C-alpha cells in the first residue's frame, strides 16, 4: 500500500482542496526575490561586502531553482 492509497481509503483526499491563493503568493514572492536578487547581484559592488554578495547569490540560486522545479514538466 502506498501513501496515496492510504489517503484514498481514509476519505481525506476528497475533502482537501488545493490552496491556489497560497500557491500564487509563494510563486509571486519567489519571482520578486529572484528578480531583486539578480538585480542586486549584477549592480552591486562586490568589493564592498563579500558576505552580502554571497547572501544575494544564494538567494538568487535558491529562488531560481525553486522556480525551475515548480514549473518543470511532470512527465
PDB file of N, CA and C in Angstrom:
ATOM      1  N   UNK A   1       0.848  -1.173   0.000  1.00  0.00           N
ATOM      2  CA  UNK A   1       0.000   0.000   0.000  1.00  0.00           C
ATOM      3  C   UNK A   1       0.896   1.239   0.000  1.00  0.00           C
ATOM      4  N   UNK A   2       0.634   2.117  -0.914  1.00  0.00           N
ATOM      5  CA  UNK A   2       1.410   3.354  -0.977  1.00  0.00           C
ATOM      6  C   UNK A   2       0.749   4.423  -0.124  1.00  0.00           C
ATOM      7  N   UNK A   3       1.442   5.537   0.041  1.00  0.00           N
ATOM      8  CA  UNK A   3       0.871   6.630   0.833  1.00  0.00           C
ATOM      9  C   UNK A   3      -0.357   7.209   0.139  1.00  0.00           C
ATOM     10  N   UNK A   4      -0.408   7.108  -1.183  1.00  0.00           N
ATOM     11  CA  UNK A   4      -1.580   7.601  -1.914  1.00  0.00           C
ATOM     12  C   UNK A   4      -2.810   6.744  -1.629  1.00  0.00           C
ATOM     13  N   UNK A   5      -2.588   5.452  -1.468  1.00  0.00           N
ATOM     14  CA  UNK A   5      -3.706   4.550  -1.170  1.00  0.00           C
ATOM     15  C   UNK A   5      -4.300   4.846   0.203  1.00  0.00           C
ATOM     16  N   UNK A   6      -3.458   5.168   1.158  1.00  0.00           N
ATOM     17  CA  UNK A   6      -3.961   5.476   2.494  1.00  0.00           C
ATOM     18  C   UNK A   6      -4.864   6.697   2.474  1.00  0.00           C
ATOM     19  N   UNK A   7      -4.482   7.718   1.730  1.00  0.00           N
ATOM     20  CA  UNK A   7      -5.309   8.918   1.649  1.00  0.00           C
ATOM     21  C   UNK A   7      -6.640   8.613   0.964  1.00  0.00           C
ATOM     22  N   UNK A   8      -6.612   7.752  -0.017  1.00  0.00           N
ATOM     23  CA  UNK A   8      -7.821   7.415  -0.741  1.00  0.00           C
ATOM     24  C   UNK A   8      -8.773   6.605   0.151  1.00  0.00           C
ATOM     25  N   UNK A   9      -8.205   5.706   0.968  1.00  0.00           N
ATOM     26  CA  UNK A   9      -9.035   4.873   1.829  1.00  0.00           C
ATOM     27  C   UNK A   9      -9.659   5.667   2.973  1.00  0.00           C
ATOM     28  N   UNK A  10      -8.955   6.645   3.478  1.00  0.00           N
ATOM     29  CA  UNK A  10      -9.463   7.361   4.641  1.00  0.00           C
ATOM     30  C   UNK A  10     -10.496   8.421   4.278  1.00  0.00           C
ATOM     31  N   UNK A  11     -10.618   8.760   3.009  1.00  0.00           N
ATOM     32  CA  UNK A  11     -11.611   9.732   2.601  1.00  0.00           C
ATOM     33  C   UNK A  11     -11.159  11.170   2.752  1.00  0.00           C
ATOM     34  N   UNK A  12      -9.906  11.408   3.102  1.00  0.00           N
ATOM     35  CA  UNK A  12      -9.420  12.769   3.285  1.00  0.00           C
ATOM     36  C   UNK A  12      -9.131  13.452   1.963  1.00  0.00           C
ATOM     37  N   UNK A  13      -8.815  12.701   0.945  1.00  0.00           N
ATOM     38  CA  UNK A  13      -8.431  13.297  -0.330  1.00  0.00           C
ATOM     39  C   UNK A  13      -9.591  14.045  -0.975  1.00  0.00           C
ATOM     40  N   UNK A  14     -10.805  13.561  -0.786  1.00  0.00           N
ATOM     41  CA  UNK A  14     -11.950  14.222  -1.393  1.00  0.00           C
ATOM     42  C   UNK A  14     -12.273  15.538  -0.689  1.00  0.00           C
ATOM     43  N   UNK A  15     -11.957  15.638   0.596  1.00  0.00           N
ATOM     44  CA  UNK A  15     -12.290  16.820   1.371  1.00  0.00           C
ATOM     45  C   UNK A  15     -11.243  17.928   1.242  1.00  0.00           C
ATOM     46  N   UNK A  16     -10.044  17.589   0.829  1.00  0.00           N
ATOM     47  CA  UNK A  16      -8.964  18.572   0.766  1.00  0.00           C
ATOM     48  C   UNK A  16      -8.947  19.230  -0.610  1.00  0.00           C
ATOM     49  N   UNK A  17      -8.913  20.574  -0.615  1.00  0.00           N
ATOM     50  CA  UNK A  17      -8.801  21.326  -1.858  1.00  0.00           C
ATOM     51  C   UNK A  17      -7.439  22.008  -1.880  1.00  0.00           C
ATOM     52  N   UNK A  18      -6.836  22.097  -3.056  1.00  0.00           N
ATOM     53  CA  UNK A  18      -5.559  22.815  -3.127  1.00  0.00           C
ATOM     54  C   UNK A  18      -5.762  24.299  -2.843  1.00  0.00           C
ATOM     55  N   UNK A  19      -4.818  24.888  -2.151  1.00  0.00           N
ATOM     56  CA  UNK A  19      -4.896  26.297  -1.810  1.00  0.00           C
ATOM     57  C   UNK A  19      -4.186  27.100  -2.907  1.00  0.00           C
ATOM     58  N   UNK A  20      -4.953  27.481  -3.929  1.00  0.00           N
ATOM     59  CA  UNK A  20      -4.371  28.168  -5.077  1.00  0.00           C
ATOM     60  C   UNK A  20      -3.882  29.565  -4.727  1.00  0.00           C
ATOM     61  N   UNK A  21      -4.549  30.232  -3.789  1.00  0.00           N
ATOM     62  CA  UNK A  21      -4.115  31.569  -3.387  1.00  0.00           C
ATOM     63  C   UNK A  21      -2.726  31.507  -2.758  1.00  0.00           C
ATOM     64  N   UNK A  22      -2.498  30.531  -1.896  1.00  0.00           N
ATOM     65  CA  UNK A  22      -1.190  30.377  -1.266  1.00  0.00           C
ATOM     66  C   UNK A  22      -0.124  30.053  -2.309  1.00  0.00           C
ATOM     67  N   UNK A  23      -0.461  29.214  -3.273  1.00  0.00           N
ATOM     68  CA  UNK A  23       0.480  28.891  -4.341  1.00  0.00           C
ATOM     69  C   UNK A  23       0.850  30.129  -5.141  1.00  0.00           C
ATOM     70  N   UNK A  24      -0.143  30.949  -5.460  1.00  0.00           N
ATOM     71  CA  UNK A  24       0.121  32.171  -6.222  1.00  0.00           C
ATOM     72  C   UNK A  24       0.987  33.142  -5.436  1.00  0.00           C
ATOM     73  N   UNK A  25       0.735  33.270  -4.149  1.00  0.00           N
ATOM     74  CA  UNK A  25       1.517  34.179  -3.309  1.00  0.00           C
ATOM     75  C   UNK A  25       2.966  33.708  -3.220  1.00  0.00           C
ATOM     76  N   UNK A  26       3.170  32.402  -2.995  1.00  0.00           N
ATOM     77  CA  UNK A  26       4.534  31.867  -2.903  1.00  0.00           C
ATOM     78  C   UNK A  26       5.279  32.032  -4.224  1.00  0.00           C
ATOM     79  N   UNK A  27       4.601  31.800  -5.336  1.00  0.00           N
ATOM     80  CA  UNK A  27       5.233  31.960  -6.640  1.00  0.00           C
ATOM     81  C   UNK A  27       5.579  33.423  -6.899  1.00  0.00           C
ATOM     82  N   UNK A  28       4.669  34.328  -6.559  1.00  0.00           N
ATOM     83  CA  UNK A  28       4.927  35.748  -6.737  1.00  0.00           C
ATOM     84  C   UNK A  28       6.114  36.202  -5.884  1.00  0.00           C
ATOM     85  N   UNK A  29       6.184  35.751  -4.639  1.00  0.00           N
ATOM     86  CA  UNK A  29       7.312  36.096  -3.770  1.00  0.00           C
ATOM     87  C   UNK A  29       8.629  35.543  -4.316  1.00  0.00           C
ATOM     88  N   UNK A  30       8.599  34.331  -4.861  1.00  0.00           N
ATOM     89  CA  UNK A  30       9.817  33.748  -5.429  1.00  0.00           C
ATOM     90  C   UNK A  30      10.266  34.519  -6.663  1.00  0.00           C
ATOM     91  N   UNK A  31       9.329  34.960  -7.494  1.00  0.00           N
ATOM     92  CA  UNK A  31       9.680  35.734  -8.681  1.00  0.00           C
ATOM     93  C   UNK A  31      10.262  37.085  -8.277  1.00  0.00           C
ATOM     94  N   UNK A  32       9.651  37.734  -7.297  1.00  0.00           N
ATOM     95  CA  UNK A  32      10.159  39.025  -6.821  1.00  0.00           C
ATOM     96  C   UNK A  32      11.548  38.857  -6.203  1.00  0.00           C
ATOM     97  N   UNK A  33      11.738  37.820  -5.385  1.00  0.00           N
ATOM     98  CA  UNK A  33      13.039  37.587  -4.752  1.00  0.00           C
ATOM     99  C   UNK A  33      14.110  37.271  -5.793  1.00  0.00           C
ATOM    100  N   UNK A  34      13.760  36.498  -6.793  1.00  0.00           N
ATOM    101  CA  UNK A  34      14.722  36.138  -7.835  1.00  0.00           C
ATOM    102  C   UNK A  34      15.115  37.377  -8.649  1.00  0.00           C
ATOM    103  N   UNK A  35      14.130  38.185  -9.012  1.00  0.00           N
ATOM    104  CA  UNK A  35      14.407  39.392  -9.788  1.00  0.00           C
ATOM    105  C   UNK A  35      15.216  40.403  -8.977  1.00  0.00           C
ATOM    106  N   UNK A  36      14.815  40.612  -7.730  1.00  0.00           N
ATOM    107  CA  UNK A  36      15.529  41.581  -6.887  1.00  0.00           C
ATOM    108  C   UNK A  36      16.957  41.127  -6.605  1.00  0.00           C
ATOM    109  N   UNK A  37      17.144  39.854  -6.321  1.00  0.00           N
ATOM    110  CA  UNK A  37      18.492  39.371  -6.022  1.00  0.00           C
ATOM    111  C   UNK A  37      19.371  39.389  -7.273  1.00  0.00           C
ATOM    112  N   UNK A  38      18.793  39.104  -8.440  1.00  0.00           N
ATOM    113  CA  UNK A  38      19.581  39.190  -9.677  1.00  0.00           C
ATOM    114  C   UNK A  38      19.979  40.630  -9.954  1.00  0.00           C
ATOM    115  N   UNK A  39      19.059  41.560  -9.718  1.00  0.00           N
ATOM    116  CA  UNK A  39      19.374  42.975  -9.917  1.00  0.00           C
ATOM    117  C   UNK A  39      20.482  43.416  -8.966  1.00  0.00           C
ATOM    118  N   UNK A  40      20.363  43.054  -7.701  1.00  0.00           N
ATOM    119  CA  UNK A  40      21.408  43.406  -6.734  1.00  0.00           C
ATOM    120  C   UNK A  40      22.736  42.749  -7.071  1.00  0.00           C
ATOM    121  N   UNK A  41      22.660  41.513  -7.522  1.00  0.00           N
ATOM    122  CA  UNK A  41      23.883  40.766  -7.816  1.00  0.00           C
ATOM    123  C   UNK A  41      24.669  41.412  -8.950  1.00  0.00           C
ATOM    124  N   UNK A  42      23.962  41.889  -9.962  1.00  0.00           N
ATOM    125  CA  UNK A  42      24.652  42.441 -11.122  1.00  0.00           C
ATOM    126  C   UNK A  42      24.958  43.928 -11.001  1.00  0.00           C
ATOM    127  N   UNK A  43      24.339  44.633 -10.062  1.00  0.00           N
ATOM    128  CA  UNK A  43      24.591  46.073  -9.942  1.00  0.00           C
ATOM    129  C   UNK A  43      25.382  46.431  -8.692  1.00  0.00           C
ATOM    130  N   UNK A  44      25.506  45.514  -7.764  1.00  0.00           N
ATOM    131  CA  UNK A  44      26.202  45.785  -6.519  1.00  0.00           C
ATOM    132  C   UNK A  44      27.703  45.748  -6.723  1.00  0.00           C
ATOM    133  N   UNK A  45      28.400  46.541  -5.957  1.00  0.00           N
ATOM    134  CA  UNK A  45      29.861  46.461  -5.963  1.00  0.00           C
ATOM    135  C   UNK A  45      30.267  45.307  -5.066  1.00  0.00           C
ATOM    136  N   UNK A  46      30.944  44.342  -5.627  1.00  0.00           N
ATOM    137  CA  UNK A  46      31.307  43.147  -4.857  1.00  0.00           C
ATOM    138  C   UNK A  46      32.421  43.433  -3.866  1.00  0.00           C
ATOM    139  N   UNK A  47      33.156  44.525  -4.034  1.00  0.00           N
ATOM    140  CA  UNK A  47      34.258  44.828  -3.117  1.00  0.00           C
ATOM    141  C   UNK A  47      33.752  45.383  -1.786  1.00  0.00           C
ATOM    142  N   UNK A  48      32.527  45.897  -1.758  1.00  0.00           N
ATOM    143  CA  UNK A  48      32.013  46.498  -0.529  1.00  0.00           C
ATOM    144  C   UNK A  48      31.799  45.457   0.570  1.00  0.00           C
ATOM    145  N   UNK A  49      31.066  44.429   0.265  1.00  0.00           N
ATOM    146  CA  UNK A  49      30.762  43.432   1.282  1.00  0.00           C
ATOM    147  C   UNK A  49      30.649  42.057   0.624  1.00  0.00           C
ATOM    148  N   UNK A  50      31.619  41.232   0.884  1.00  0.00           N
ATOM    149  CA  UNK A  50      31.618  39.898   0.281  1.00  0.00           C
ATOM    150  C   UNK A  50      30.517  39.025   0.891  1.00  0.00           C
ATOM    151  N   UNK A  51      30.236  39.195   2.167  1.00  0.00           N
ATOM    152  CA  UNK A  51      29.190  38.412   2.824  1.00  0.00           C
ATOM    153  C   UNK A  51      27.827  38.712   2.220  1.00  0.00           C
ATOM    154  N   UNK A  52      27.555  39.982   1.979  1.00  0.00           N
ATOM    155  CA  UNK A  52      26.275  40.358   1.376  1.00  0.00           C
ATOM    156  C   UNK A  52      26.168  39.821  -0.050  1.00  0.00           C
ATOM    157  N   UNK A  53      27.263  39.839  -0.767  1.00  0.00           N
ATOM    158  CA  UNK A  53      27.256  39.318  -2.134  1.00  0.00           C
ATOM    159  C   UNK A  53      26.979  37.822  -2.145  1.00  0.00           C
ATOM    160  N   UNK A  54      27.569  37.094  -1.219  1.00  0.00           N
ATOM    161  CA  UNK A  54      27.323  35.652  -1.121  1.00  0.00           C
ATOM    162  C   UNK A  54      25.866  35.388  -0.743  1.00  0.00           C
ATOM    163  N   UNK A  55      25.332  36.166   0.186  1.00  0.00           N
ATOM    164  CA  UNK A  55      23.930  36.004   0.585  1.00  0.00           C
ATOM    165  C   UNK A  55      22.983  36.247  -0.582  1.00  0.00           C
ATOM    166  N   UNK A  56      23.221  37.306  -1.343  1.00  0.00           N
ATOM    167  CA  UNK A  56      22.376  37.605  -2.503  1.00  0.00           C
ATOM    168  C   UNK A  56      22.517  36.508  -3.546  1.00  0.00           C
ATOM    169  N   UNK A  57      23.711  35.988  -3.735  1.00  0.00           N
ATOM    170  CA  UNK A  57      23.925  34.903  -4.693  1.00  0.00           C
ATOM    171  C   UNK A  57      23.163  33.644  -4.286  1.00  0.00           C
ATOM    172  N   UNK A  58      23.189  33.329  -3.006  1.00  0.00           N
ATOM    173  CA  UNK A  58      22.475  32.143  -2.511  1.00  0.00           C
ATOM    174  C   UNK A  58      20.966  32.314  -2.698  1.00  0.00           C
ATOM    175  N   UNK A  59      20.446  33.494  -2.391  1.00  0.00           N
ATOM    176  CA  UNK A  59      19.017  33.752  -2.579  1.00  0.00           C
ATOM    177  C   UNK A  59      18.651  33.619  -4.051  1.00  0.00           C
ATOM    178  N   UNK A  60      19.493  34.157  -4.924  1.00  0.00           N
ATOM    179  CA  UNK A  60      19.240  34.074  -6.363  1.00  0.00           C
ATOM    180  C   UNK A  60      19.214  32.620  -6.839  1.00  0.00           C
ATOM    181  N   UNK A  61      20.180  31.847  -6.423  1.00  0.00           N
ATOM    182  CA  UNK A  61      20.260  30.444  -6.857  1.00  0.00           C
ATOM    183  C   UNK A  61      19.086  29.639  -6.311  1.00  0.00           C
ATOM    184  N   UNK A  62      18.771  29.809  -5.024  1.00  0.00           N
ATOM    185  CA  UNK A  62      17.691  29.027  -4.423  1.00  0.00           C
ATOM    186  C   UNK A  62      16.327  29.370  -5.015  1.00  0.00           C
ATOM    187  N   UNK A  63      16.051  30.656  -5.203  1.00  0.00           N
ATOM    188  CA  UNK A  63      14.750  31.017  -5.783  1.00  0.00           C
ATOM    189  C   UNK A  63      14.672  30.602  -7.247  1.00  0.00           C
ATOM    190  N   UNK A  64      15.781  30.704  -7.952  1.00  0.00           N
ATOM    191  CA  UNK A  64      15.795  30.240  -9.341  1.00  0.00           C
ATOM    192  C   UNK A  64      15.547  28.749  -9.448  1.00  0.00           C
ATOM    193  N   UNK A  65      16.199  27.975  -8.589  1.00  0.00           N
ATOM    194  CA  UNK A  65      15.981  26.519  -8.591  1.00  0.00           C
ATOM    195  C   UNK A  65      14.551  26.170  -8.202  1.00  0.00           C
ATOM    196  N   UNK A  66      14.001  26.888  -7.212  1.00  0.00           N
ATOM    197  CA  UNK A  66      12.629  26.620  -6.794  1.00  0.00           C
ATOM    198  C   UNK A  66      11.659  26.876  -7.947  1.00  0.00           C
ATOM    199  N   UNK A  67      11.878  27.955  -8.680  1.00  0.00           N
ATOM    200  CA  UNK A  67      11.007  28.259  -9.814  1.00  0.00           C
ATOM    201  C   UNK A  67      11.157  27.226 -10.928  1.00  0.00           C
ATOM    202  N   UNK A  68      12.377  26.755 -11.163  1.00  0.00           N
ATOM    203  CA  UNK A  68      12.584  25.730 -12.187  1.00  0.00           C
ATOM    204  C   UNK A  68      11.862  24.444 -11.802  1.00  0.00           C
ATOM    205  N   UNK A  69      12.000  24.029 -10.560  1.00  0.00           N
ATOM    206  CA  UNK A  69      11.331  22.808 -10.107  1.00  0.00           C
ATOM    207  C   UNK A  69       9.812  22.989 -10.109  1.00  0.00           C
ATOM    208  N   UNK A  70       9.358  24.167  -9.738  1.00  0.00           N
ATOM    209  CA  UNK A  70       7.916  24.442  -9.667  1.00  0.00           C
ATOM    210  C   UNK A  70       7.260  24.347 -11.030  1.00  0.00           C
ATOM    211  N   UNK A  71       7.933  24.819 -12.073  1.00  0.00           N
ATOM    212  CA  UNK A  71       7.336  24.853 -13.405  1.00  0.00           C
ATOM    213  C   UNK A  71       7.890  23.801 -14.356  1.00  0.00           C
ATOM    214  N   UNK A  72       8.626  22.843 -13.836  1.00  0.00           N
ATOM    215  CA  UNK A  72       9.148  21.766 -14.670  1.00  0.00           C
ATOM    216  C   UNK A  72       8.020  20.826 -15.067  1.00  0.00           C
ATOM    217  N   UNK A  73       8.070  20.279 -16.279  1.00  0.00           N
ATOM    218  CA  UNK A  73       7.036  19.318 -16.671  1.00  0.00           C
ATOM    219  C   UNK A  73       7.122  18.057 -15.816  1.00  0.00           C
ATOM    220  N   UNK A  74       5.985  17.474 -15.524  1.00  0.00           N
ATOM    221  CA  UNK A  74       5.925  16.308 -14.639  1.00  0.00           C
ATOM    222  C   UNK A  74       5.704  15.013 -15.420  1.00  0.00           C
ATOM    223  N   UNK A  75       6.501  14.825 -16.436  1.00  0.00           N
ATOM    224  CA  UNK A  75       6.355  13.617 -17.266  1.00  0.00           C
ATOM    225  C   UNK A  75       7.141  12.462 -16.714  1.00  0.00           C
TER     226      UNK A  75
END
